[in-house]
Amino acid sequence: MKDDEIYTQLFQFSRPTFFKWKREKVPVMQLISKYFLKEDLEEFLQKGFISKFEKFEDYHLDPVFEDYVINNLKRINKLDRSIFNIIFPTPEFITIHLKQLEEQDLNNLTVKNAKERFKAFLLSVKLSKIWDTEAKRKTVIQAVDSHFSDIEIYLIMKYPEKFIS
């Protein structure tokens, strides 16, 4: 596949736009050409992902990055309680159930499997008054999928004590 074909599919613009952006050195074009191989972009267009970036569990997360993500999650928690209220409806819930999370076996926890394990944990929690219907449980699972990245969920599971106020 030629470069212009890749970029026109990737950005959904015309071929003349590709050449204009390339000539004008639009930053996103420079970024992509500098940090992604042609094969990576082709794989993304064909499969919807780049396999070499799907292996987060092979990498060690930097402690500074972990702290940044944790502090950002705490800030979001304070600024926008609506997101956290869906998943963690009450302060008591956070304390009780994140403490239960501390007791989980996290030996095989990876960034890649954290979200599925967290959702399974939430569905296993007995919360008759809070999630008394299947619809409420689905809302919680959708909130986890849409509002939290894999890394955020990984850190919530790995360090639940940091989220207990």
C-alpha atoms as a PDB file:
ATOM      1  CA  MET A   1       0.000   0.000   0.000  1.00  0.00           C
ATOM      2  CA  LYS A   2       1.334   3.459  -0.874  1.00  0.00           C
ATOM      3  CA  ASP A   3       1.748   6.181   1.739  1.00  0.00           C
ATOM      4  CA  ASP A   4      -1.011   8.329   0.249  1.00  0.00           C
ATOM      5  CA  GLU A   5      -3.426   5.365   0.358  1.00  0.00           C
ATOM      6  CA  ILE A   6      -2.608   4.673   4.002  1.00  0.00           C
ATOM      7  CA  TYR A   7      -3.101   8.278   5.090  1.00  0.00           C
ATOM      8  CA  THR A   8      -6.273   8.826   3.075  1.00  0.00           C
ATOM      9  CA  GLN A   9      -7.816   5.761   4.731  1.00  0.00           C
ATOM     10  CA  LEU A  10      -6.488   6.683   8.154  1.00  0.00           C
ATOM     11  CA  PHE A  11      -7.691  10.297   8.117  1.00  0.00           C
ATOM     12  CA  GLN A  12     -10.610   9.881   5.712  1.00  0.00           C
ATOM     13  CA  PHE A  13      -9.476  12.744   3.523  1.00  0.00           C
ATOM     14  CA  SER A  14      -8.656  13.085  -0.177  1.00  0.00           C
ATOM     15  CA  ARG A  15      -5.347  12.404  -1.872  1.00  0.00           C
ATOM     16  CA  PRO A  16      -4.698  16.131  -2.578  1.00  0.00           C
ATOM     17  CA  THR A  17      -5.132  16.833   1.147  1.00  0.00           C
ATOM     18  CA  PHE A  18      -2.499  14.216   1.919  1.00  0.00           C
ATOM     19  CA  PHE A  19       0.023  15.920  -0.363  1.00  0.00           C
ATOM     20  CA  LYS A  20      -0.897  19.373   0.976  1.00  0.00           C
ATOM     21  CA  TRP A  21      -0.455  18.264   4.606  1.00  0.00           C
ATOM     22  CA  LYS A  22       2.827  16.556   3.757  1.00  0.00           C
ATOM     23  CA  ARG A  23       4.119  19.636   1.914  1.00  0.00           C
ATOM     24  CA  GLU A  24       3.014  21.971   4.747  1.00  0.00           C
ATOM     25  CA  LYS A  25       4.538  19.636   7.344  1.00  0.00           C
ATOM     26  CA  VAL A  26       1.376  19.383   9.399  1.00  0.00           C
ATOM     27  CA  PRO A  27       2.546  18.153  12.832  1.00  0.00           C
ATOM     28  CA  VAL A  28       0.329  15.067  12.950  1.00  0.00           C
ATOM     29  CA  MET A  29       1.828  13.877   9.664  1.00  0.00           C
ATOM     30  CA  GLN A  30       5.341  14.338  11.023  1.00  0.00           C
ATOM     31  CA  LEU A  31       4.419  12.567  14.247  1.00  0.00           C
ATOM     32  CA  ILE A  32       2.972   9.545  12.497  1.00  0.00           C
ATOM     33  CA  SER A  33       5.762   9.238   9.956  1.00  0.00           C
ATOM     34  CA  LYS A  34       8.417   9.575  12.660  1.00  0.00           C
ATOM     35  CA  TYR A  35       7.022   7.111  15.213  1.00  0.00           C
ATOM     36  CA  PHE A  36       5.039   4.559  13.211  1.00  0.00           C
ATOM     37  CA  LEU A  37       6.265   2.147  10.598  1.00  0.00           C
ATOM     38  CA  LYS A  38       4.315   1.815   7.385  1.00  0.00           C
ATOM     39  CA  GLU A  39       3.602  -1.790   8.378  1.00  0.00           C
ATOM     40  CA  ASP A  40       2.143  -0.608  11.720  1.00  0.00           C
ATOM     41  CA  LEU A  41      -0.287   1.720   9.973  1.00  0.00           C
ATOM     42  CA  GLU A  42      -1.301  -0.958   7.478  1.00  0.00           C
ATOM     43  CA  GLU A  43      -1.899  -3.416  10.317  1.00  0.00           C
ATOM     44  CA  PHE A  44      -4.036  -0.838  12.139  1.00  0.00           C
ATOM     45  CA  LEU A  45      -6.149  -0.228   9.033  1.00  0.00           C
ATOM     46  CA  GLN A  46      -6.607  -3.955   8.430  1.00  0.00           C
ATOM     47  CA  LYS A  47      -7.062  -5.228  11.989  1.00  0.00           C
ATOM     48  CA  GLY A  48      -8.033  -2.162  14.042  1.00  0.00           C
ATOM     49  CA  PHE A  49      -4.963  -2.456  16.288  1.00  0.00           C
ATOM     50  CA  ILE A  50      -1.172  -2.627  16.186  1.00  0.00           C
ATOM     51  CA  SER A  51      -0.161  -5.920  17.756  1.00  0.00           C
ATOM     52  CA  LYS A  52       3.181  -4.748  19.130  1.00  0.00           C
ATOM     53  CA  PHE A  53       1.351  -2.118  21.213  1.00  0.00           C
ATOM     54  CA  GLU A  54      -1.182  -4.610  22.558  1.00  0.00           C
ATOM     55  CA  LYS A  55       1.373  -6.304  24.808  1.00  0.00           C
ATOM     56  CA  PHE A  56       1.329  -3.916  27.776  1.00  0.00           C
ATOM     57  CA  GLU A  57       1.992  -6.728  30.200  1.00  0.00           C
ATOM     58  CA  ASP A  58       5.486  -7.074  28.751  1.00  0.00           C
ATOM     59  CA  TYR A  59       6.435  -3.600  29.962  1.00  0.00           C
ATOM     60  CA  HIS A  60       7.177  -2.296  33.417  1.00  0.00           C
ATOM     61  CA  LEU A  61       5.138   0.761  34.353  1.00  0.00           C
ATOM     62  CA  ASP A  62       7.285   3.577  35.663  1.00  0.00           C
ATOM     63  CA  PRO A  63       6.420   4.458  39.300  1.00  0.00           C
ATOM     64  CA  VAL A  64       6.271   8.167  38.405  1.00  0.00           C
ATOM     65  CA  PHE A  65       3.747   7.374  35.675  1.00  0.00           C
ATOM     66  CA  GLU A  66       1.765   5.214  38.103  1.00  0.00           C
ATOM     67  CA  ASP A  67       1.647   8.098  40.606  1.00  0.00           C
ATOM     68  CA  TYR A  68       0.565  10.504  37.881  1.00  0.00           C
ATOM     69  CA  VAL A  69      -2.324   8.254  36.817  1.00  0.00           C
ATOM     70  CA  ILE A  70      -3.387   7.610  40.424  1.00  0.00           C
ATOM     71  CA  ASN A  71      -3.340  11.319  41.278  1.00  0.00           C
ATOM     72  CA  ASN A  72      -5.268  12.107  38.108  1.00  0.00           C
ATOM     73  CA  LEU A  73      -7.901   9.507  39.029  1.00  0.00           C
ATOM     74  CA  LYS A  74      -8.197  11.006  42.504  1.00  0.00           C
ATOM     75  CA  ARG A  75      -8.562  14.501  40.992  1.00  0.00           C
ATOM     76  CA  ILE A  76     -11.270  13.295  38.607  1.00  0.00           C
ATOM     77  CA  ASN A  77     -12.975  11.628  41.552  1.00  0.00           C
ATOM     78  CA  LYS A  78     -13.106  14.972  43.381  1.00  0.00           C
ATOM     79  CA  LEU A  79     -14.069  17.063  40.338  1.00  0.00           C
ATOM     80  CA  ASP A  80     -16.566  14.778  38.656  1.00  0.00           C
ATOM     81  CA  ARG A  81     -18.249  12.530  41.171  1.00  0.00           C
ATOM     82  CA  SER A  82     -20.832  11.517  38.545  1.00  0.00           C
ATOM     83  CA  ILE A  83     -18.423   9.083  36.866  1.00  0.00           C
ATOM     84  CA  PHE A  84     -17.270   7.560  40.132  1.00  0.00           C
ATOM     85  CA  ASN A  85     -20.792   7.575  41.584  1.00  0.00           C
ATOM     86  CA  ILE A  86     -21.919   5.134  38.919  1.00  0.00           C
ATOM     87  CA  ILE A  87     -19.273   2.607  39.882  1.00  0.00           C
ATOM     88  CA  PHE A  88     -18.621   3.611  43.497  1.00  0.00           C
ATOM     89  CA  PRO A  89     -22.018   4.928  44.657  1.00  0.00           C
ATOM     90  CA  THR A  90     -21.127   5.637  48.282  1.00  0.00           C
ATOM     91  CA  PRO A  91     -17.970   6.214  50.320  1.00  0.00           C
ATOM     92  CA  GLU A  92     -18.853   3.067  52.267  1.00  0.00           C
ATOM     93  CA  PHE A  93     -18.903   1.108  49.018  1.00  0.00           C
ATOM     94  CA  ILE A  94     -15.399   2.290  48.181  1.00  0.00           C
ATOM     95  CA  THR A  95     -14.074   1.383  51.600  1.00  0.00           C
ATOM     96  CA  ILE A  96     -15.772  -2.002  51.910  1.00  0.00           C
ATOM     97  CA  HIS A  97     -15.365  -3.256  48.371  1.00  0.00           C
ATOM     98  CA  LEU A  98     -11.951  -1.887  47.569  1.00  0.00           C
ATOM     99  CA  LYS A  99     -10.794  -3.579  50.761  1.00  0.00           C
ATOM    100  CA  GLN A 100     -12.267  -6.792  49.321  1.00  0.00           C
ATOM    101  CA  LEU A 101     -10.281  -6.047  46.189  1.00  0.00           C
ATOM    102  CA  GLU A 102      -7.102  -5.989  48.302  1.00  0.00           C
ATOM    103  CA  GLU A 103      -7.825  -9.638  49.142  1.00  0.00           C
ATOM    104  CA  GLN A 104      -8.003 -10.696  45.481  1.00  0.00           C
ATOM    105  CA  ASP A 105      -5.222 -12.805  44.007  1.00  0.00           C
ATOM    106  CA  LEU A 106      -3.422 -10.376  41.719  1.00  0.00           C
ATOM    107  CA  ASN A 107      -0.476 -12.574  40.754  1.00  0.00           C
ATOM    108  CA  ASN A 108      -1.446 -12.700  37.080  1.00  0.00           C
ATOM    109  CA  LEU A 109      -2.820  -9.162  36.884  1.00  0.00           C
ATOM    110  CA  THR A 110      -1.677  -7.295  33.777  1.00  0.00           C
ATOM    111  CA  VAL A 111      -2.703  -4.046  32.166  1.00  0.00           C
ATOM    112  CA  LYS A 112      -4.263  -6.072  29.386  1.00  0.00           C
ATOM    113  CA  ASN A 113      -6.486  -8.255  31.591  1.00  0.00           C
ATOM    114  CA  ALA A 114      -7.195  -5.743  34.390  1.00  0.00           C
ATOM    115  CA  LYS A 115     -10.448  -4.363  33.005  1.00  0.00           C
ATOM    116  CA  GLU A 116     -12.026  -7.798  32.520  1.00  0.00           C
ATOM    117  CA  ARG A 117     -10.916  -8.916  35.965  1.00  0.00           C
ATOM    118  CA  PHE A 118     -12.246  -5.717  37.533  1.00  0.00           C
ATOM    119  CA  LYS A 119     -15.628  -6.107  35.839  1.00  0.00           C
ATOM    120  CA  ALA A 120     -15.796  -9.730  36.986  1.00  0.00           C
ATOM    121  CA  PHE A 121     -14.972  -8.580  40.515  1.00  0.00           C
ATOM    122  CA  LEU A 122     -17.703  -5.920  40.428  1.00  0.00           C
ATOM    123  CA  LEU A 123     -20.257  -8.415  39.156  1.00  0.00           C
ATOM    124  CA  SER A 124     -19.335 -10.833  41.924  1.00  0.00           C
ATOM    125  CA  VAL A 125     -19.917  -8.260  44.662  1.00  0.00           C
ATOM    126  CA  LYS A 126     -23.224  -8.726  46.471  1.00  0.00           C
ATOM    127  CA  LEU A 127     -24.933  -5.334  46.387  1.00  0.00           C
ATOM    128  CA  SER A 128     -28.630  -5.986  46.529  1.00  0.00           C
ATOM    129  CA  LYS A 129     -29.548  -2.411  47.489  1.00  0.00           C
ATOM    130  CA  ILE A 130     -27.184  -0.627  45.107  1.00  0.00           C
ATOM    131  CA  TRP A 131     -27.236  -2.822  42.000  1.00  0.00           C
ATOM    132  CA  ASP A 132     -30.527  -4.574  42.469  1.00  0.00           C
ATOM    133  CA  THR A 133     -31.297  -4.950  38.771  1.00  0.00           C
ATOM    134  CA  GLU A 134     -29.486  -6.296  35.740  1.00  0.00           C
ATOM    135  CA  ALA A 135     -29.876  -2.890  34.080  1.00  0.00           C
ATOM    136  CA  LYS A 136     -27.963  -1.188  36.913  1.00  0.00           C
ATOM    137  CA  ARG A 137     -25.198  -3.798  36.678  1.00  0.00           C
ATOM    138  CA  LYS A 138     -24.911  -3.228  32.911  1.00  0.00           C
ATOM    139  CA  THR A 139     -24.673   0.535  33.534  1.00  0.00           C
ATOM    140  CA  VAL A 140     -21.752  -0.065  35.886  1.00  0.00           C
ATOM    141  CA  ILE A 141     -19.950  -2.277  33.377  1.00  0.00           C
ATOM    142  CA  GLN A 142     -20.528   0.279  30.604  1.00  0.00           C
ATOM    143  CA  ALA A 143     -19.160   3.024  32.871  1.00  0.00           C
ATOM    144  CA  VAL A 144     -16.007   1.010  33.501  1.00  0.00           C
ATOM    145  CA  ASP A 145     -15.558   0.442  29.748  1.00  0.00           C
ATOM    146  CA  SER A 146     -16.195   4.021  28.702  1.00  0.00           C
ATOM    147  CA  HIS A 147     -14.628   6.071  31.492  1.00  0.00           C
ATOM    148  CA  PHE A 148     -11.533   4.166  32.525  1.00  0.00           C
ATOM    149  CA  SER A 149      -8.498   3.070  30.561  1.00  0.00           C
ATOM    150  CA  ASP A 150      -6.872  -0.313  31.032  1.00  0.00           C
ATOM    151  CA  ILE A 151      -3.994   1.311  32.905  1.00  0.00           C
ATOM    152  CA  GLU A 152      -6.337   3.165  35.275  1.00  0.00           C
ATOM    153  CA  ILE A 153      -8.220  -0.017  36.154  1.00  0.00           C
ATOM    154  CA  TYR A 154      -4.923  -1.872  36.557  1.00  0.00           C
ATOM    155  CA  LEU A 155      -3.763   0.710  39.099  1.00  0.00           C
ATOM    156  CA  ILE A 156      -7.110   0.719  40.943  1.00  0.00           C
ATOM    157  CA  MET A 157      -6.773  -3.041  41.324  1.00  0.00           C
ATOM    158  CA  LYS A 158      -3.091  -2.981  42.156  1.00  0.00           C
ATOM    159  CA  TYR A 159      -3.328  -0.169  44.744  1.00  0.00           C
ATOM    160  CA  PRO A 160      -6.912  -0.092  46.047  1.00  0.00           C
ATOM    161  CA  GLU A 161      -5.730   1.362  49.358  1.00  0.00           C
ATOM    162  CA  LYS A 162      -4.810   4.595  47.562  1.00  0.00           C
ATOM    163  CA  PHE A 163      -8.459   5.121  46.631  1.00  0.00           C
ATOM    164  CA  ILE A 164      -9.907   4.513  50.076  1.00  0.00           C
ATOM    165  CA  SER A 165     -10.481   7.861  51.722  1.00  0.00           C
END
